[in-house]
PDB file of all heavy atoms in Angstrom:
ATOM      1  N   LEU A   1      11.606  -0.357 -17.835  1.00  0.00           N
ATOM      2  CA  LEU A   1      10.911   0.723 -17.175  1.00  0.00           C
ATOM      3  C   LEU A   1       9.441   0.684 -17.531  1.00  0.00           C
ATOM      4  O   LEU A   1       8.608   0.763 -16.647  1.00  0.00           O
ATOM      5  CB  LEU A   1      11.459   2.082 -17.669  1.00  0.00           C
ATOM      6  CG  LEU A   1      10.802   3.347 -17.117  1.00  0.00           C
ATOM      7  CD1 LEU A   1      10.779   3.353 -15.493  1.00  0.00           C
ATOM      8  CD2 LEU A   1      11.350   4.604 -17.620  1.00  0.00           C
ATOM      9  N   GLU A   2       9.036   0.435 -18.749  1.00  0.00           N
ATOM     10  CA  GLU A   2       7.620   0.364 -19.144  1.00  0.00           C
ATOM     11  C   GLU A   2       7.022  -0.880 -18.445  1.00  0.00           C
ATOM     12  O   GLU A   2       5.836  -0.671 -17.960  1.00  0.00           O
ATOM     13  CB  GLU A   2       7.525   0.188 -20.634  1.00  0.00           C
ATOM     14  CG  GLU A   2       7.826   1.451 -21.413  1.00  0.00           C
ATOM     15  CD  GLU A   2       6.865   2.567 -21.106  1.00  0.00           C
ATOM     16  OE1 GLU A   2       5.586   2.345 -20.809  1.00  0.00           O
ATOM     17  OE2 GLU A   2       7.273   3.778 -21.121  1.00  0.00           O
ATOM     18  N   THR A   3       7.675  -1.932 -18.418  1.00  0.00           N
ATOM     19  CA  THR A   3       7.158  -3.156 -17.780  1.00  0.00           C
ATOM     20  C   THR A   3       6.805  -2.839 -16.191  1.00  0.00           C
ATOM     21  O   THR A   3       5.774  -3.164 -15.763  1.00  0.00           O
ATOM     22  CB  THR A   3       8.064  -4.328 -17.859  1.00  0.00           C
ATOM     23  OG1 THR A   3       8.236  -4.609 -19.227  1.00  0.00           O
ATOM     24  CG2 THR A   3       7.568  -5.594 -17.149  1.00  0.00           C
ATOM     25  N   LEU A   4       7.774  -2.316 -15.544  1.00  0.00           N
ATOM     26  CA  LEU A   4       7.678  -2.135 -14.149  1.00  0.00           C
ATOM     27  C   LEU A   4       6.647  -1.005 -13.888  1.00  0.00           C
ATOM     28  O   LEU A   4       5.770  -1.135 -12.907  1.00  0.00           O
ATOM     29  CB  LEU A   4       9.000  -1.628 -13.524  1.00  0.00           C
ATOM     30  CG  LEU A   4      10.112  -2.713 -13.457  1.00  0.00           C
ATOM     31  CD1 LEU A   4      11.339  -2.224 -13.007  1.00  0.00           C
ATOM     32  CD2 LEU A   4       9.611  -3.815 -12.399  1.00  0.00           C
ATOM     33  N   CYS A   5       6.640   0.035 -14.685  1.00  0.00           N
ATOM     34  CA  CYS A   5       5.494   1.048 -14.527  1.00  0.00           C
ATOM     35  C   CYS A   5       4.158   0.433 -14.772  1.00  0.00           C
ATOM     36  O   CYS A   5       3.190   0.693 -14.024  1.00  0.00           O
ATOM     37  CB  CYS A   5       5.718   2.185 -15.481  1.00  0.00           C
ATOM     38  SG  CYS A   5       7.128   3.222 -14.971  1.00  0.00           S
ATOM     39  N   GLY A   6       4.002  -0.388 -15.663  1.00  0.00           N
ATOM     40  CA  GLY A   6       2.760  -1.058 -15.966  1.00  0.00           C
ATOM     41  C   GLY A   6       2.288  -1.958 -14.841  1.00  0.00           C
ATOM     42  O   GLY A   6       1.092  -2.033 -14.416  1.00  0.00           O
ATOM     43  N   LYS A   7       3.228  -2.682 -14.219  1.00  0.00           N
ATOM     44  CA  LYS A   7       3.011  -3.532 -13.051  1.00  0.00           C
ATOM     45  C   LYS A   7       2.547  -2.780 -11.782  1.00  0.00           C
ATOM     46  O   LYS A   7       1.761  -3.212 -11.069  1.00  0.00           O
ATOM     47  CB  LYS A   7       4.103  -4.470 -12.774  1.00  0.00           C
ATOM     48  CG  LYS A   7       4.292  -5.519 -13.845  1.00  0.00           C
ATOM     49  CD  LYS A   7       5.477  -6.481 -13.495  1.00  0.00           C
ATOM     50  CE  LYS A   7       5.636  -7.524 -14.538  1.00  0.00           C
ATOM     51  NZ  LYS A   7       6.728  -8.375 -14.230  1.00  0.00           N
ATOM     52  N   SER A   8       3.361  -1.665 -11.640  1.00  0.00           N
ATOM     53  CA  SER A   8       3.121  -0.867 -10.392  1.00  0.00           C
ATOM     54  C   SER A   8       2.035   0.121 -10.505  1.00  0.00           C
ATOM     55  O   SER A   8       1.595   0.655  -9.473  1.00  0.00           O
ATOM     56  CB  SER A   8       4.404  -0.158  -9.993  1.00  0.00           C
ATOM     57  OG  SER A   8       4.759   0.805 -10.876  1.00  0.00           O
ATOM     58  N   GLY A   9       1.659   0.490 -11.729  1.00  0.00           N
ATOM     59  CA  GLY A   9       0.713   1.535 -11.856  1.00  0.00           C
ATOM     60  C   GLY A   9       1.332   3.063 -11.703  1.00  0.00           C
ATOM     61  O   GLY A   9       0.482   3.996 -11.788  1.00  0.00           O
ATOM     62  N   GLN A  10       2.484   3.127 -11.638  1.00  0.00           N
ATOM     63  CA  GLN A  10       3.232   4.328 -11.513  1.00  0.00           C
ATOM     64  C   GLN A  10       3.467   4.902 -12.825  1.00  0.00           C
ATOM     65  O   GLN A  10       3.727   4.207 -13.781  1.00  0.00           O
ATOM     66  CB  GLN A  10       4.568   4.286 -10.765  1.00  0.00           C
ATOM     67  CG  GLN A  10       4.461   4.080  -9.301  1.00  0.00           C
ATOM     68  CD  GLN A  10       5.796   3.994  -8.715  1.00  0.00           C
ATOM     69  OE1 GLN A  10       6.575   3.061  -9.007  1.00  0.00           O
ATOM     70  NE2 GLN A  10       6.182   4.933  -7.880  1.00  0.00           N
ATOM     71  N   SER A  11       3.517   6.214 -12.951  1.00  0.00           N
ATOM     72  CA  SER A  11       3.963   6.800 -14.206  1.00  0.00           C
ATOM     73  C   SER A  11       5.464   6.667 -14.327  1.00  0.00           C
ATOM     74  O   SER A  11       6.231   6.502 -13.286  1.00  0.00           O
ATOM     75  CB  SER A  11       3.651   8.320 -14.291  1.00  0.00           C
ATOM     76  OG  SER A  11       4.391   9.090 -13.280  1.00  0.00           O
ATOM     77  N   ARG A  12       5.998   6.901 -15.479  1.00  0.00           N
ATOM     78  CA  ARG A  12       7.488   6.775 -15.653  1.00  0.00           C
ATOM     79  C   ARG A  12       8.131   7.833 -14.793  1.00  0.00           C
ATOM     80  O   ARG A  12       9.135   7.563 -14.164  1.00  0.00           O
ATOM     81  CB  ARG A  12       7.793   6.991 -17.126  1.00  0.00           C
ATOM     82  CG  ARG A  12       7.477   5.793 -18.071  1.00  0.00           C
ATOM     83  CD  ARG A  12       7.445   5.978 -19.452  1.00  0.00           C
ATOM     84  NE  ARG A  12       8.536   6.913 -19.963  1.00  0.00           N
ATOM     85  CZ  ARG A  12       9.252   6.653 -21.049  1.00  0.00           C
ATOM     86  NH1 ARG A  12       8.976   5.648 -21.807  1.00  0.00           N
ATOM     87  NH2 ARG A  12      10.146   7.493 -21.551  1.00  0.00           N
ATOM     88  N   SER A  13       7.595   9.085 -14.805  1.00  0.00           N
ATOM     89  CA  SER A  13       8.231  10.154 -14.027  1.00  0.00           C
ATOM     90  C   SER A  13       8.308   9.853 -12.591  1.00  0.00           C
ATOM     91  O   SER A  13       9.291  10.060 -11.900  1.00  0.00           O
ATOM     92  CB  SER A  13       7.448  11.460 -14.290  1.00  0.00           C
ATOM     93  OG  SER A  13       7.645  11.937 -15.618  1.00  0.00           O
ATOM     94  N   ASP A  14       7.083   9.291 -12.065  1.00  0.00           N
ATOM     95  CA  ASP A  14       7.087   8.981 -10.625  1.00  0.00           C
ATOM     96  C   ASP A  14       8.096   7.927 -10.305  1.00  0.00           C
ATOM     97  O   ASP A  14       8.816   8.025  -9.337  1.00  0.00           O
ATOM     98  CB  ASP A  14       5.713   8.519 -10.194  1.00  0.00           C
ATOM     99  CG  ASP A  14       4.659   9.682 -10.073  1.00  0.00           C
ATOM    100  OD1 ASP A  14       5.160  10.855 -10.023  1.00  0.00           O
ATOM    101  OD2 ASP A  14       3.497   9.394 -10.149  1.00  0.00           O
ATOM    102  N   PHE A  15       8.097   6.893 -11.113  1.00  0.00           N
ATOM    103  CA  PHE A  15       9.013   5.698 -10.886  1.00  0.00           C
ATOM    104  C   PHE A  15      10.509   6.283 -10.952  1.00  0.00           C
ATOM    105  O   PHE A  15      11.317   5.947 -10.038  1.00  0.00           O
ATOM    106  CB  PHE A  15       8.876   4.705 -11.937  1.00  0.00           C
ATOM    107  CG  PHE A  15       9.650   3.378 -11.714  1.00  0.00           C
ATOM    108  CD1 PHE A  15       9.088   2.410 -10.993  1.00  0.00           C
ATOM    109  CD2 PHE A  15      10.932   3.275 -12.170  1.00  0.00           C
ATOM    110  CE1 PHE A  15       9.770   1.311 -10.842  1.00  0.00           C
ATOM    111  CE2 PHE A  15      11.603   2.125 -11.909  1.00  0.00           C
ATOM    112  CZ  PHE A  15      11.018   1.056 -11.237  1.00  0.00           C
ATOM    113  N   VAL A  16      10.914   7.112 -11.914  1.00  0.00           N
ATOM    114  CA  VAL A  16      12.274   7.565 -12.076  1.00  0.00           C
ATOM    115  C   VAL A  16      12.551   8.590 -10.884  1.00  0.00           C
ATOM    116  O   VAL A  16      13.670   8.457 -10.382  1.00  0.00           O
ATOM    117  CB  VAL A  16      12.424   8.229 -13.390  1.00  0.00           C
ATOM    118  CG1 VAL A  16      13.835   8.905 -13.458  1.00  0.00           C
ATOM    119  CG2 VAL A  16      12.408   7.190 -14.478  1.00  0.00           C
ATOM    120  N   ARG A  17      11.586   9.385 -10.373  1.00  0.00           N
ATOM    121  CA  ARG A  17      11.874  10.229  -9.414  1.00  0.00           C
ATOM    122  C   ARG A  17      12.188   9.530  -8.102  1.00  0.00           C
ATOM    123  O   ARG A  17      13.112   9.769  -7.287  1.00  0.00           O
ATOM    124  CB  ARG A  17      10.645  11.212  -9.073  1.00  0.00           C
ATOM    125  CG  ARG A  17      10.767  12.563  -9.834  1.00  0.00           C
ATOM    126  CD  ARG A  17       9.607  13.480  -9.192  1.00  0.00           C
ATOM    127  NE  ARG A  17       8.264  13.038  -9.593  1.00  0.00           N
ATOM    128  CZ  ARG A  17       7.650  13.217 -10.681  1.00  0.00           C
ATOM    129  NH1 ARG A  17       8.167  13.846 -11.622  1.00  0.00           N
ATOM    130  NH2 ARG A  17       6.395  12.665 -10.846  1.00  0.00           N
ATOM    131  N   GLU A  18      11.465   8.467  -7.835  1.00  0.00           N
ATOM    132  CA  GLU A  18      11.637   7.625  -6.579  1.00  0.00           C
ATOM    133  C   GLU A  18      13.001   6.860  -6.732  1.00  0.00           C
ATOM    134  O   GLU A  18      13.587   6.779  -5.753  1.00  0.00           O
ATOM    135  CB  GLU A  18      10.448   6.646  -6.421  1.00  0.00           C
ATOM    136  CG  GLU A  18      10.571   5.815  -5.205  1.00  0.00           C
ATOM    137  CD  GLU A  18      10.628   6.685  -3.813  1.00  0.00           C
ATOM    138  OE1 GLU A  18       9.956   7.668  -3.886  1.00  0.00           O
ATOM    139  OE2 GLU A  18      11.375   6.244  -3.019  1.00  0.00           O
ATOM    140  N   ALA A  19      13.248   6.334  -7.808  1.00  0.00           N
ATOM    141  CA  ALA A  19      14.583   5.700  -8.028  1.00  0.00           C
ATOM    142  C   ALA A  19      15.729   6.663  -7.838  1.00  0.00           C
ATOM    143  O   ALA A  19      16.697   6.345  -7.207  1.00  0.00           O
ATOM    144  CB  ALA A  19      14.622   5.047  -9.420  1.00  0.00           C
ATOM    145  N   LEU A  20      15.662   7.859  -8.296  1.00  0.00           N
ATOM    146  CA  LEU A  20      16.675   8.916  -8.096  1.00  0.00           C
ATOM    147  C   LEU A  20      16.760   9.270  -6.586  1.00  0.00           C
ATOM    148  O   LEU A  20      17.890   9.382  -6.083  1.00  0.00           O
ATOM    149  CB  LEU A  20      16.310  10.196  -8.902  1.00  0.00           C
ATOM    150  CG  LEU A  20      17.310  11.311  -8.870  1.00  0.00           C
ATOM    151  CD1 LEU A  20      18.787  10.760  -9.290  1.00  0.00           C
ATOM    152  CD2 LEU A  20      16.870  12.333  -9.731  1.00  0.00           C
ATOM    153  N   ARG A  21      15.577   9.428  -5.938  1.00  0.00           N
ATOM    154  CA  ARG A  21      15.684   9.713  -4.523  1.00  0.00           C
ATOM    155  C   ARG A  21      16.363   8.648  -3.745  1.00  0.00           C
ATOM    156  O   ARG A  21      17.235   8.948  -2.804  1.00  0.00           O
ATOM    157  CB  ARG A  21      14.171   9.843  -3.957  1.00  0.00           C
ATOM    158  CG  ARG A  21      13.479  11.142  -4.170  1.00  0.00           C
ATOM    159  CD  ARG A  21      12.195  11.265  -3.493  1.00  0.00           C
ATOM    160  NE  ARG A  21      11.448  12.452  -3.908  1.00  0.00           N
ATOM    161  CZ  ARG A  21      10.513  12.404  -4.867  1.00  0.00           C
ATOM    162  NH1 ARG A  21      10.017  11.197  -5.288  1.00  0.00           N
ATOM    163  NH2 ARG A  21       9.942  13.518  -5.195  1.00  0.00           N
ATOM    164  N   ARG A  22      16.019   7.344  -4.071  1.00  0.00           N
ATOM    165  CA  ARG A  22      16.762   6.226  -3.451  1.00  0.00           C
ATOM    166  C   ARG A  22      18.161   6.307  -3.704  1.00  0.00           C
ATOM    167  O   ARG A  22      18.987   6.068  -2.805  1.00  0.00           O
ATOM    168  CB  ARG A  22      16.135   4.939  -3.955  1.00  0.00           C
ATOM    169  CG  ARG A  22      15.651   3.999  -2.841  1.00  0.00           C
ATOM    170  CD  ARG A  22      15.025   2.718  -3.301  1.00  0.00           C
ATOM    171  NE  ARG A  22      14.823   2.508  -4.770  1.00  0.00           N
ATOM    172  CZ  ARG A  22      13.608   2.766  -5.434  1.00  0.00           C
ATOM    173  NH1 ARG A  22      12.575   3.117  -4.737  1.00  0.00           N
ATOM    174  NH2 ARG A  22      13.547   2.543  -6.703  1.00  0.00           N
ATOM    175  N   GLN A  23      18.672   6.487  -4.904  1.00  0.00           N
ATOM    176  CA  GLN A  23      19.976   6.494  -5.246  1.00  0.00           C
ATOM    177  C   GLN A  23      20.811   7.645  -4.551  1.00  0.00           C
ATOM    178  O   GLN A  23      21.903   7.446  -4.098  1.00  0.00           O
ATOM    179  CB  GLN A  23      20.224   6.695  -6.775  1.00  0.00           C
ATOM    180  CG  GLN A  23      21.587   6.485  -7.220  1.00  0.00           C
ATOM    181  CD  GLN A  23      22.188   5.157  -6.992  1.00  0.00           C
ATOM    182  OE1 GLN A  23      21.384   4.217  -7.019  1.00  0.00           O
ATOM    183  NE2 GLN A  23      23.517   5.135  -6.744  1.00  0.00           N
ATOM    184  N   ILE A  24      20.101   8.902  -4.427  1.00  0.00           N
ATOM    185  CA  ILE A  24      20.727   9.968  -3.684  1.00  0.00           C
ATOM    186  C   ILE A  24      20.951   9.593  -2.227  1.00  0.00           C
ATOM    187  O   ILE A  24      21.938   9.869  -1.658  1.00  0.00           O
ATOM    188  CB  ILE A  24      19.872  11.171  -3.909  1.00  0.00           C
ATOM    189  CG1 ILE A  24      20.042  11.770  -5.281  1.00  0.00           C
ATOM    190  CG2 ILE A  24      20.273  12.263  -2.794  1.00  0.00           C
ATOM    191  CD1 ILE A  24      19.049  12.811  -5.683  1.00  0.00           C
ATOM    192  N   ARG A  25      19.852   8.986  -1.614  1.00  0.00           N
ATOM    193  CA  ARG A  25      19.975   8.609  -0.135  1.00  0.00           C
ATOM    194  C   ARG A  25      21.121   7.514   0.007  1.00  0.00           C
ATOM    195  O   ARG A  25      21.810   7.656   1.048  1.00  0.00           O
ATOM    196  CB  ARG A  25      18.669   8.033   0.383  1.00  0.00           C
ATOM    197  CG  ARG A  25      17.500   8.974   0.400  1.00  0.00           C
ATOM    198  CD  ARG A  25      17.887  10.174   1.148  1.00  0.00           C
ATOM    199  NE  ARG A  25      16.796  11.189   1.008  1.00  0.00           N
ATOM    200  CZ  ARG A  25      16.727  12.229   0.220  1.00  0.00           C
ATOM    201  NH1 ARG A  25      17.778  12.409  -0.553  1.00  0.00           N
ATOM    202  NH2 ARG A  25      15.807  13.069   0.112  1.00  0.00           N
ATOM    203  N   GLN A  26      21.243   6.555  -0.905  1.00  0.00           N
ATOM    204  CA  GLN A  26      22.309   5.608  -0.833  1.00  0.00           C
ATOM    205  C   GLN A  26      23.654   6.294  -0.942  1.00  0.00           C
ATOM    206  O   GLN A  26      24.576   5.899  -0.200  1.00  0.00           O
ATOM    207  CB  GLN A  26      22.095   4.457  -1.902  1.00  0.00           C
ATOM    208  CG  GLN A  26      20.911   3.651  -1.578  1.00  0.00           C
ATOM    209  CD  GLN A  26      20.765   2.648  -2.703  1.00  0.00           C
ATOM    210  OE1 GLN A  26      21.336   2.676  -3.711  1.00  0.00           O
ATOM    211  NE2 GLN A  26      19.950   1.615  -2.452  1.00  0.00           N
ATOM    212  N   ALA A  27      23.790   7.266  -1.873  1.00  0.00           N
ATOM    213  CA  ALA A  27      25.124   7.974  -1.982  1.00  0.00           C
ATOM    214  C   ALA A  27      25.395   8.675  -0.787  1.00  0.00           C
ATOM    215  O   ALA A  27      26.579   8.839  -0.344  1.00  0.00           O
ATOM    216  CB  ALA A  27      25.023   8.836  -3.272  1.00  0.00           C
ATOM    217  N   GLU A  28      24.364   9.461  -0.179  1.00  0.00           N
ATOM    218  CA  GLU A  28      24.621  10.158   1.020  1.00  0.00           C
ATOM    219  C   GLU A  28      25.062   9.254   2.250  1.00  0.00           C
ATOM    220  O   GLU A  28      25.885   9.558   2.966  1.00  0.00           O
ATOM    221  CB  GLU A  28      23.380  10.919   1.498  1.00  0.00           C
ATOM    222  CG  GLU A  28      23.039  12.131   0.474  1.00  0.00           C
ATOM    223  CD  GLU A  28      21.711  12.676   0.703  1.00  0.00           C
ATOM    224  OE1 GLU A  28      20.811  12.073   1.427  1.00  0.00           O
ATOM    225  OE2 GLU A  28      21.480  13.810   0.394  1.00  0.00           O
ATOM    226  N   PHE A  29      24.363   8.147   2.313  1.00  0.00           N
ATOM    227  CA  PHE A  29      24.762   7.139   3.337  1.00  0.00           C
ATOM    228  C   PHE A  29      26.113   6.609   3.152  1.00  0.00           C
ATOM    229  O   PHE A  29      26.892   6.549   4.169  1.00  0.00           O
ATOM    230  CB  PHE A  29      23.785   5.920   3.372  1.00  0.00           C
ATOM    231  CG  PHE A  29      24.007   4.919   4.353  1.00  0.00           C
ATOM    232  CD1 PHE A  29      23.673   5.180   5.749  1.00  0.00           C
ATOM    233  CD2 PHE A  29      24.759   3.725   3.978  1.00  0.00           C
ATOM    234  CE1 PHE A  29      23.953   4.204   6.699  1.00  0.00           C
ATOM    235  CE2 PHE A  29      25.046   2.776   4.982  1.00  0.00           C
ATOM    236  CZ  PHE A  29      24.744   3.046   6.369  1.00  0.00           C
TER     237      PHE A  29
END
């Protein structure tokens, strides 16, 4: 998580929120 956040410039919270949104959409689909 730290590595990816460092590369993307996203905060940990932003990264996890987006990952959770994606996972929820996949489950709904």
